[in-house]
Amino acid sequence: MSEGGKRVMEVDDFSAFQGCPWPDFWAGDGNVAARQAVETAASGQPAQFFGDAKTAKGTQKFWEVQVIPVFGEGGNPTHLLSISKDITDVTDALRRNELLAQELQHRIKNTLAMVAAVASQTLKGEDISDRRTAFLTRIQALSKANEIITAKTWQNAPMRAVIEKALEPHLPRPERCSIQGDDLDLTAKQALSLALSVHELATNATKYGALSGEDGRVDIEWRVDDEQPVGERLLFEWRETGGPPVSEPSSRGFGSKLVMRALASDFQGKVTLDYLPTGVVCRMLAPAPTVAL
């Protein structure tokens, strides 16, 4: 064994391994592949295989192995040369990419299902121009949330950034809205639902509520309460003040239903939407996401 091989295999004393059958270092399918490679090389043909094997100190690694015959004067193989390359990092990266691709496929499927649901509900009725506009703005809200998710390589999304992005089109004056709360990590599905819900609340506030005039404002606040008997809970509130008086509509539109159903489903919590004389208040009580930031 070369000095480089000893370093890679973490061998301090080669005498402990000298004379041991080489294929026995390989586990599972790698053991079978190693024996076949030896037979192939002994017949005069080079062989290659991939397999798992532990180093002398027990470190699990994945190897690319070549077994090459060394020919004597008579033209027959007299020795076999084994060249092993540690490709553990490459293999781990490929496995991570496979998992990422699977997760990406799953999340795209969920996003498309959400788009289909939004489309089927929004585009009902005859006033197609207004509904087309509503549909496009909802898709834009989803798109902005996706930007945040993909920025973290399709991992979780920070709650504050999701809310801020969803509010951007509705707040020419940022001082009319306050956002308070320790940042939390949301799953991709939660981020999409929260983005759509904040978009719907902001749209209604711009048309009919606190943001329809000059003096109204919106206060968004959340906190994690660890004193709840059922474990840590996320308390989220959207509160409008200073706008025109509001009253509960005779029937809930798709936007209101979307807020309540999406948040309740994807956060597995309870959502209330109250039309108080002072303004709309939306509250959610749900299991707390992981505090990550």
Protein backbone atom coordinates (compact mmCIF):
# COMPACT_ATOMS: atom_id res chain seq x y z
CA MET A 1 0.00 0.00 0.00
CA SER A 2 1.36 3.40 -0.98
CA GLU A 3 1.77 6.22 1.52
CA GLY A 4 -1.13 8.04 -0.12
CA GLY A 5 -3.29 4.96 0.23
CA LYS A 6 -2.43 4.68 3.92
CA ARG A 7 -3.48 8.29 4.48
CA VAL A 8 -6.79 7.89 2.67
CA MET A 9 -7.51 4.58 4.40
CA GLU A 10 -6.36 5.98 7.79
CA VAL A 11 -3.87 3.14 8.23
CA ASP A 12 -1.22 3.70 10.91
CA ASP A 13 0.22 0.16 10.90
CA PHE A 14 -0.06 -1.73 7.60
CA SER A 15 1.27 -4.94 9.16
CA ALA A 16 -2.12 -5.44 10.83
CA PHE A 17 -3.71 -5.77 7.37
CA GLN A 18 -0.93 -7.38 5.37
CA GLY A 19 -1.99 -10.75 4.00
CA CYS A 20 -5.73 -10.19 4.58
CA PRO A 21 -8.02 -10.99 1.62
CA TRP A 22 -8.59 -7.68 -0.14
CA PRO A 23 -12.30 -8.26 -1.04
CA ASP A 24 -13.09 -8.70 2.67
CA PHE A 25 -12.58 -4.97 3.17
CA TRP A 26 -15.74 -4.36 1.13
CA ALA A 27 -19.25 -4.71 2.52
CA GLY A 28 -22.49 -5.89 0.91
CA ASP A 29 -22.64 -5.56 -2.86
CA GLY A 30 -19.15 -4.08 -2.79
CA ASN A 31 -17.75 -7.41 -1.59
CA VAL A 32 -19.28 -9.24 -4.55
CA ALA A 33 -18.08 -6.53 -6.94
CA ALA A 34 -14.56 -6.69 -5.49
CA ARG A 35 -14.34 -10.46 -5.99
CA GLN A 36 -15.60 -10.14 -9.55
CA ALA A 37 -13.08 -7.39 -10.23
CA VAL A 38 -10.24 -9.60 -8.96
CA GLU A 39 -11.36 -12.46 -11.21
CA THR A 40 -11.63 -10.15 -14.22
CA ALA A 41 -8.20 -8.61 -13.64
CA ALA A 42 -6.66 -12.05 -13.05
CA SER A 43 -7.87 -13.05 -16.51
CA GLY A 44 -6.00 -10.11 -18.00
CA GLN A 45 -8.74 -7.48 -18.25
CA PRO A 46 -8.97 -4.28 -16.18
CA ALA A 47 -12.05 -3.93 -13.99
CA GLN A 48 -13.86 -1.10 -12.26
CA PHE A 49 -16.51 -0.95 -9.55
CA PHE A 50 -17.99 1.36 -6.91
CA GLY A 51 -18.56 0.39 -3.31
CA ASP A 52 -18.71 1.22 0.39
CA ALA A 53 -15.82 0.42 2.70
CA LYS A 54 -14.71 1.63 6.09
CA THR A 55 -11.24 2.95 6.73
CA ALA A 56 -8.97 1.37 9.33
CA LYS A 57 -10.42 3.79 11.90
CA GLY A 58 -14.02 3.05 11.00
CA THR A 59 -14.82 6.05 8.79
CA GLN A 60 -17.47 5.07 6.24
CA LYS A 61 -16.48 6.10 2.71
CA PHE A 62 -17.60 5.48 -0.85
CA TRP A 63 -14.97 4.52 -3.39
CA GLU A 64 -14.36 4.35 -7.12
CA VAL A 65 -12.02 1.37 -7.63
CA GLN A 66 -9.95 0.16 -10.55
CA VAL A 67 -8.25 -3.24 -10.52
CA ILE A 68 -5.54 -3.51 -13.17
CA PRO A 69 -3.51 -6.59 -14.12
CA VAL A 70 0.30 -6.30 -14.12
CA PHE A 71 1.82 -8.60 -16.73
CA GLY A 72 5.04 -10.58 -16.42
CA GLU A 73 7.55 -11.52 -19.08
CA GLY A 74 5.39 -14.38 -20.31
CA GLY A 75 2.48 -12.07 -21.02
CA ASN A 76 0.35 -13.36 -18.17
CA PRO A 77 -0.83 -11.38 -15.13
CA THR A 78 1.54 -11.81 -12.21
CA HIS A 79 0.20 -9.07 -9.92
CA LEU A 80 -2.92 -6.98 -9.52
CA LEU A 81 -2.85 -3.24 -8.89
CA SER A 82 -5.80 -1.68 -7.05
CA ILE A 83 -6.38 2.06 -7.33
CA SER A 84 -9.10 3.40 -5.03
CA LYS A 85 -10.41 6.96 -5.20
CA ASP A 86 -12.42 8.41 -2.32
CA ILE A 87 -15.56 9.91 -3.91
CA THR A 88 -17.61 10.22 -0.73
CA ASP A 89 -18.08 13.99 -1.09
CA VAL A 90 -19.20 13.64 -4.71
CA THR A 91 -21.61 10.84 -3.86
CA ASP A 92 -23.06 12.76 -0.93
CA ALA A 93 -23.59 15.78 -3.18
CA LEU A 94 -25.37 13.63 -5.77
CA ARG A 95 -27.61 12.17 -3.09
CA ARG A 96 -28.43 15.64 -1.79
CA ASN A 97 -29.27 16.73 -5.33
CA GLU A 98 -31.56 13.73 -5.76
CA LEU A 99 -33.36 14.58 -2.54
CA LEU A 100 -33.56 18.22 -3.58
CA ALA A 101 -35.01 17.24 -6.96
CA GLN A 102 -37.63 15.09 -5.25
CA GLU A 103 -38.50 17.91 -2.86
CA LEU A 104 -38.62 20.41 -5.72
CA GLN A 105 -40.97 18.15 -7.67
CA HIS A 106 -43.22 17.81 -4.62
CA ARG A 107 -43.32 21.54 -3.94
CA ILE A 108 -43.93 22.47 -7.56
CA LYS A 109 -46.84 20.03 -7.56
CA ASN A 110 -48.25 21.72 -4.44
CA THR A 111 -47.76 25.17 -5.96
CA LEU A 112 -49.50 24.19 -9.19
CA ALA A 113 -52.36 22.69 -7.20
CA MET A 114 -52.70 25.98 -5.34
CA VAL A 115 -52.60 27.93 -8.62
CA ALA A 116 -55.30 25.69 -10.06
CA ALA A 117 -57.50 26.25 -7.01
CA VAL A 118 -57.00 30.02 -7.17
CA ALA A 119 -57.76 30.04 -10.90
CA SER A 120 -60.92 27.96 -10.62
CA GLN A 121 -62.34 30.20 -7.90
CA THR A 122 -61.13 33.58 -9.16
CA LEU A 123 -62.21 33.24 -12.78
CA LYS A 124 -65.83 32.38 -12.04
CA GLY A 125 -68.50 34.84 -13.11
CA GLU A 126 -68.96 37.32 -15.92
CA ASP A 127 -66.79 40.28 -14.81
CA ILE A 128 -63.76 38.61 -16.34
CA SER A 129 -61.57 41.72 -16.54
CA ASP A 130 -61.63 42.36 -12.78
CA ARG A 131 -61.24 38.69 -12.07
CA ARG A 132 -58.28 38.41 -14.42
CA THR A 133 -56.58 41.23 -12.52
CA ALA A 134 -57.32 39.54 -9.20
CA PHE A 135 -55.95 36.27 -10.51
CA LEU A 136 -52.73 37.84 -11.78
CA THR A 137 -52.04 39.66 -8.51
CA ARG A 138 -52.56 36.42 -6.58
CA ILE A 139 -50.11 34.61 -8.84
CA GLN A 140 -47.63 37.47 -8.34
CA ALA A 141 -47.95 37.01 -4.58
CA LEU A 142 -47.15 33.31 -5.01
CA SER A 143 -44.22 34.19 -7.27
CA LYS A 144 -42.69 36.54 -4.70
CA ALA A 145 -43.00 33.87 -2.01
CA ASN A 146 -41.30 31.38 -4.32
CA GLU A 147 -38.41 33.82 -4.80
CA ILE A 148 -37.79 33.74 -1.07
CA ILE A 149 -38.01 29.95 -0.90
CA THR A 150 -35.65 29.38 -3.84
CA ALA A 151 -33.18 31.89 -2.38
CA LYS A 152 -32.66 29.33 0.39
CA THR A 153 -32.29 26.45 -2.10
CA TRP A 154 -35.89 25.34 -1.58
CA GLN A 155 -35.43 25.14 2.14
CA ASN A 156 -37.60 26.97 4.64
CA ALA A 157 -38.47 30.65 4.23
CA PRO A 158 -38.18 33.45 6.84
CA MET A 159 -41.61 34.65 7.94
CA ARG A 160 -40.78 38.37 7.98
CA ALA A 161 -39.46 38.34 4.40
CA VAL A 162 -42.58 36.51 3.18
CA ILE A 163 -44.84 39.15 4.76
CA GLU A 164 -42.78 42.08 3.52
CA LYS A 165 -42.77 40.77 -0.06
CA ALA A 166 -46.52 40.19 -0.02
CA LEU A 167 -47.11 43.75 1.23
CA GLU A 168 -44.82 45.52 -1.27
CA PRO A 169 -47.42 46.22 -4.01
CA HIS A 170 -49.90 47.63 -1.48
CA LEU A 171 -47.70 50.00 0.54
CA PRO A 172 -46.43 53.08 -1.30
CA ARG A 173 -45.79 54.46 2.21
CA PRO A 174 -44.14 51.76 4.35
CA GLU A 175 -44.71 53.77 7.54
CA ARG A 176 -48.40 52.88 7.34
CA CYS A 177 -47.63 49.32 8.36
CA SER A 178 -45.68 47.93 11.30
CA ILE A 179 -44.31 44.39 11.40
CA GLN A 180 -43.26 43.01 14.76
CA GLY A 181 -42.14 39.54 15.78
CA ASP A 182 -39.07 37.33 16.09
CA ASP A 183 -38.27 35.83 12.72
CA LEU A 184 -39.42 32.25 12.25
CA ASP A 185 -38.69 29.64 9.63
CA LEU A 186 -41.75 28.55 7.63
CA THR A 187 -42.10 25.51 5.43
CA ALA A 188 -42.52 26.23 1.73
CA LYS A 189 -46.22 25.38 1.94
CA GLN A 190 -46.74 27.68 4.93
CA ALA A 191 -44.85 30.48 3.17
CA LEU A 192 -47.06 30.25 0.08
CA SER A 193 -50.25 30.25 2.16
CA LEU A 194 -49.11 33.17 4.30
CA ALA A 195 -48.08 35.16 1.22
CA LEU A 196 -51.48 34.65 -0.41
CA SER A 197 -53.31 35.45 2.81
CA VAL A 198 -51.37 38.66 3.48
CA HIS A 199 -51.93 39.65 -0.16
CA GLU A 200 -55.69 39.14 0.21
CA LEU A 201 -55.85 41.07 3.47
CA ALA A 202 -53.79 43.91 1.99
CA THR A 203 -55.92 43.98 -1.17
CA ASN A 204 -59.12 44.31 0.87
CA ALA A 205 -57.52 46.92 3.12
CA THR A 206 -56.55 48.95 0.05
CA LYS A 207 -60.03 48.74 -1.47
CA TYR A 208 -62.28 48.99 1.57
CA GLY A 209 -60.29 49.14 4.79
CA ALA A 210 -57.51 50.96 6.58
CA LEU A 211 -55.35 51.52 3.49
CA SER A 212 -58.17 52.97 1.38
CA GLY A 213 -57.78 56.41 2.97
CA GLU A 214 -54.87 58.57 4.04
CA ASP A 215 -54.83 57.98 7.78
CA GLY A 216 -55.38 54.26 8.28
CA ARG A 217 -52.68 51.77 9.12
CA VAL A 218 -52.04 48.07 9.54
CA ASP A 219 -50.20 46.47 12.44
CA ILE A 220 -48.91 42.92 12.00
CA GLU A 221 -47.58 41.12 15.03
CA TRP A 222 -46.75 37.57 16.01
CA ARG A 223 -45.12 35.81 18.91
CA VAL A 224 -44.52 32.31 20.18
CA ASP A 225 -46.30 31.51 23.43
CA ASP A 226 -44.65 28.66 25.34
CA GLU A 227 -47.17 28.76 28.18
CA GLN A 228 -49.96 27.09 26.21
CA PRO A 229 -51.04 23.72 27.69
CA VAL A 230 -50.61 22.01 24.30
CA GLY A 231 -47.05 23.24 23.72
CA GLU A 232 -45.56 26.22 21.93
CA ARG A 233 -48.12 28.10 19.85
CA LEU A 234 -47.77 30.79 17.23
CA LEU A 235 -50.03 33.78 17.84
CA PHE A 236 -50.39 35.87 14.67
CA GLU A 237 -52.47 39.03 14.29
CA TRP A 238 -53.31 41.42 11.45
CA ARG A 239 -55.03 44.54 12.80
CA GLU A 240 -56.37 47.51 10.82
CA THR A 241 -57.09 50.89 12.44
CA GLY A 242 -57.83 54.44 11.32
CA GLY A 243 -59.78 53.52 8.22
CA PRO A 244 -63.48 53.83 7.41
CA PRO A 245 -65.94 51.85 9.53
CA VAL A 246 -66.31 48.27 8.33
CA SER A 247 -69.04 45.71 8.79
CA GLU A 248 -69.14 42.00 8.16
CA PRO A 249 -70.25 41.22 4.60
CA SER A 250 -73.42 39.23 4.06
CA SER A 251 -71.38 36.52 2.37
CA ARG A 252 -67.69 35.71 2.41
CA GLY A 253 -65.85 36.10 -0.92
CA PHE A 254 -63.15 33.80 -2.19
CA GLY A 255 -60.40 36.01 -0.78
CA SER A 256 -61.74 35.79 2.76
CA LYS A 257 -62.28 32.05 2.45
CA LEU A 258 -58.76 31.69 1.08
CA VAL A 259 -57.26 33.46 4.09
CA MET A 260 -59.08 31.30 6.60
CA ARG A 261 -58.78 27.96 4.84
CA ALA A 262 -55.19 28.25 3.65
CA LEU A 263 -53.79 29.40 6.97
CA ALA A 264 -55.84 26.92 8.99
CA SER A 265 -54.84 24.03 6.75
CA ASP A 266 -51.16 24.70 6.19
CA PHE A 267 -50.41 25.95 9.71
CA GLN A 268 -52.77 23.37 11.26
CA GLY A 269 -54.29 26.07 13.41
CA LYS A 270 -57.41 28.11 14.07
CA VAL A 271 -58.07 31.33 12.14
CA THR A 272 -60.61 34.06 12.86
CA LEU A 273 -61.50 37.05 10.68
CA ASP A 274 -63.44 39.76 12.52
CA TYR A 275 -64.96 42.91 11.04
CA LEU A 276 -64.81 45.31 13.98
CA PRO A 277 -66.02 48.94 13.80
CA THR A 278 -62.38 50.03 14.15
CA GLY A 279 -61.18 47.77 11.34
CA VAL A 280 -60.56 44.20 10.25
CA VAL A 281 -58.70 41.90 12.62
CA CYS A 282 -57.35 38.53 11.51
CA ARG A 283 -55.92 36.18 14.14
CA MET A 284 -54.32 32.78 13.94
CA LEU A 285 -53.38 30.36 16.71
CA ALA A 286 -51.27 27.46 15.45
CA PRO A 287 -48.39 25.17 16.41
CA ALA A 288 -45.19 27.18 16.49
CA PRO A 289 -42.80 26.81 13.56
CA THR A 290 -39.15 26.25 14.40
CA VAL A 291 -37.37 29.42 15.53
CA ALA A 292 -34.46 29.52 13.11
CA LEU A 293 -33.14 33.05 12.82
